Amino acid sequence: MGRRIDVRWSREGKVILTQGENVDETSGESSWTLAMSSSGSLPPGSYRVELTEDGKSVTTIPFQIK
């Protein structure tokens, strides 16, 4: 039975991108990135990425771009 993995990116408390996929394998790897198409750089601010598994929060990682 698979699991749903979702990643939610926020800047200054506002969700700017949601990504996710269904995972059926018991092992492996996947990656998600946040990138700006116009300048290639993220604008300054307070960011947060939250990882959820089947709708339950697994971890939240705050970071700052100056």
C-alpha atoms as a PDB file:
ATOM      1  CA  MET A   1       0.000   0.000   0.000  1.00  0.00           C
ATOM      2  CA  GLY A   2       1.436   3.371  -1.016  1.00  0.00           C
ATOM      3  CA  ARG A   3       1.852   6.626   0.818  1.00  0.00           C
ATOM      4  CA  ARG A   4       1.251  10.221  -0.196  1.00  0.00           C
ATOM      5  CA  ILE A   5       4.194  12.586   0.264  1.00  0.00           C
ATOM      6  CA  ASP A   6       3.574  16.327  -0.024  1.00  0.00           C
ATOM      7  CA  VAL A   7       5.950  19.280   0.223  1.00  0.00           C
ATOM      8  CA  ARG A   8       4.644  22.788   0.897  1.00  0.00           C
ATOM      9  CA  TRP A   9       6.900  25.826   0.398  1.00  0.00           C
ATOM     10  CA  SER A  10       5.966  29.120   2.109  1.00  0.00           C
ATOM     11  CA  ARG A  11       7.433  32.624   2.073  1.00  0.00           C
ATOM     12  CA  GLU A  12       6.492  35.159   4.750  1.00  0.00           C
ATOM     13  CA  GLY A  13       3.649  32.822   5.838  1.00  0.00           C
ATOM     14  CA  LYS A  14       2.092  32.531   2.360  1.00  0.00           C
ATOM     15  CA  VAL A  15       2.153  29.198   0.493  1.00  0.00           C
ATOM     16  CA  ILE A  16       3.988  29.702  -2.809  1.00  0.00           C
ATOM     17  CA  LEU A  17       4.321  26.117  -4.077  1.00  0.00           C
ATOM     18  CA  THR A  18       2.888  22.699  -3.263  1.00  0.00           C
ATOM     19  CA  GLN A  19       4.447  19.536  -4.661  1.00  0.00           C
ATOM     20  CA  GLY A  20       3.831  15.869  -4.027  1.00  0.00           C
ATOM     21  CA  GLU A  21       3.529  12.349  -5.268  1.00  0.00           C
ATOM     22  CA  ASN A  22       2.229   8.922  -4.373  1.00  0.00           C
ATOM     23  CA  VAL A  23       5.000   6.535  -3.332  1.00  0.00           C
ATOM     24  CA  ASP A  24       4.487   2.800  -3.726  1.00  0.00           C
ATOM     25  CA  GLU A  25       8.074   1.610  -3.266  1.00  0.00           C
ATOM     26  CA  THR A  26       9.479   0.750   0.170  1.00  0.00           C
ATOM     27  CA  SER A  27      12.798   2.449  -0.627  1.00  0.00           C
ATOM     28  CA  GLY A  28      14.252   4.897  -3.095  1.00  0.00           C
ATOM     29  CA  GLU A  29      14.742   8.613  -3.423  1.00  0.00           C
ATOM     30  CA  SER A  30      13.065  11.671  -4.829  1.00  0.00           C
ATOM     31  CA  SER A  31      13.816  15.375  -4.738  1.00  0.00           C
ATOM     32  CA  TRP A  32      11.819  18.578  -4.824  1.00  0.00           C
ATOM     33  CA  THR A  33      13.176  22.059  -5.406  1.00  0.00           C
ATOM     34  CA  LEU A  34      11.992  25.637  -5.216  1.00  0.00           C
ATOM     35  CA  ALA A  35      13.405  27.881  -7.935  1.00  0.00           C
ATOM     36  CA  MET A  36      12.463  31.189  -9.487  1.00  0.00           C
ATOM     37  CA  SER A  37      12.160  31.051 -13.269  1.00  0.00           C
ATOM     38  CA  SER A  38      12.645  34.777 -13.871  1.00  0.00           C
ATOM     39  CA  SER A  39      15.846  35.624 -11.977  1.00  0.00           C
ATOM     40  CA  GLY A  40      17.084  32.232 -10.819  1.00  0.00           C
ATOM     41  CA  SER A  41      17.379  33.562  -7.249  1.00  0.00           C
ATOM     42  CA  LEU A  42      14.827  33.423  -4.488  1.00  0.00           C
ATOM     43  CA  PRO A  43      13.816  36.861  -3.215  1.00  0.00           C
ATOM     44  CA  PRO A  44      14.912  37.790   0.323  1.00  0.00           C
ATOM     45  CA  GLY A  45      12.590  36.726   3.106  1.00  0.00           C
ATOM     46  CA  SER A  46      11.601  34.089   5.643  1.00  0.00           C
ATOM     47  CA  TYR A  47      10.839  30.708   4.089  1.00  0.00           C
ATOM     48  CA  ARG A  48       9.548  27.398   5.366  1.00  0.00           C
ATOM     49  CA  VAL A  49       9.296  23.977   3.781  1.00  0.00           C
ATOM     50  CA  GLU A  50       6.917  21.432   5.337  1.00  0.00           C
ATOM     51  CA  LEU A  51       6.962  17.724   4.547  1.00  0.00           C
ATOM     52  CA  THR A  52       3.810  15.680   5.134  1.00  0.00           C
ATOM     53  CA  GLU A  53       3.193  11.959   4.825  1.00  0.00           C
ATOM     54  CA  ASP A  54      -0.402  10.861   4.303  1.00  0.00           C
ATOM     55  CA  GLY A  55      -1.562  14.281   5.519  1.00  0.00           C
ATOM     56  CA  LYS A  56       0.458  14.207   8.762  1.00  0.00           C
ATOM     57  CA  SER A  57       3.311  16.656   9.307  1.00  0.00           C
ATOM     58  CA  VAL A  58       6.715  14.935   9.345  1.00  0.00           C
ATOM     59  CA  THR A  59       9.053  17.928   9.545  1.00  0.00           C
ATOM     60  CA  THR A  60       9.174  21.680   9.030  1.00  0.00           C
ATOM     61  CA  ILE A  61      12.367  23.459   8.011  1.00  0.00           C
ATOM     62  CA  PRO A  62      12.539  27.253   8.341  1.00  0.00           C
ATOM     63  CA  PHE A  63      15.222  29.168   6.441  1.00  0.00           C
ATOM     64  CA  GLN A  64      16.108  32.759   5.627  1.00  0.00           C
ATOM     65  CA  ILE A  65      17.244  34.308   2.343  1.00  0.00           C
ATOM     66  CA  LYS A  66      19.061  37.626   2.832  1.00  0.00           C
END
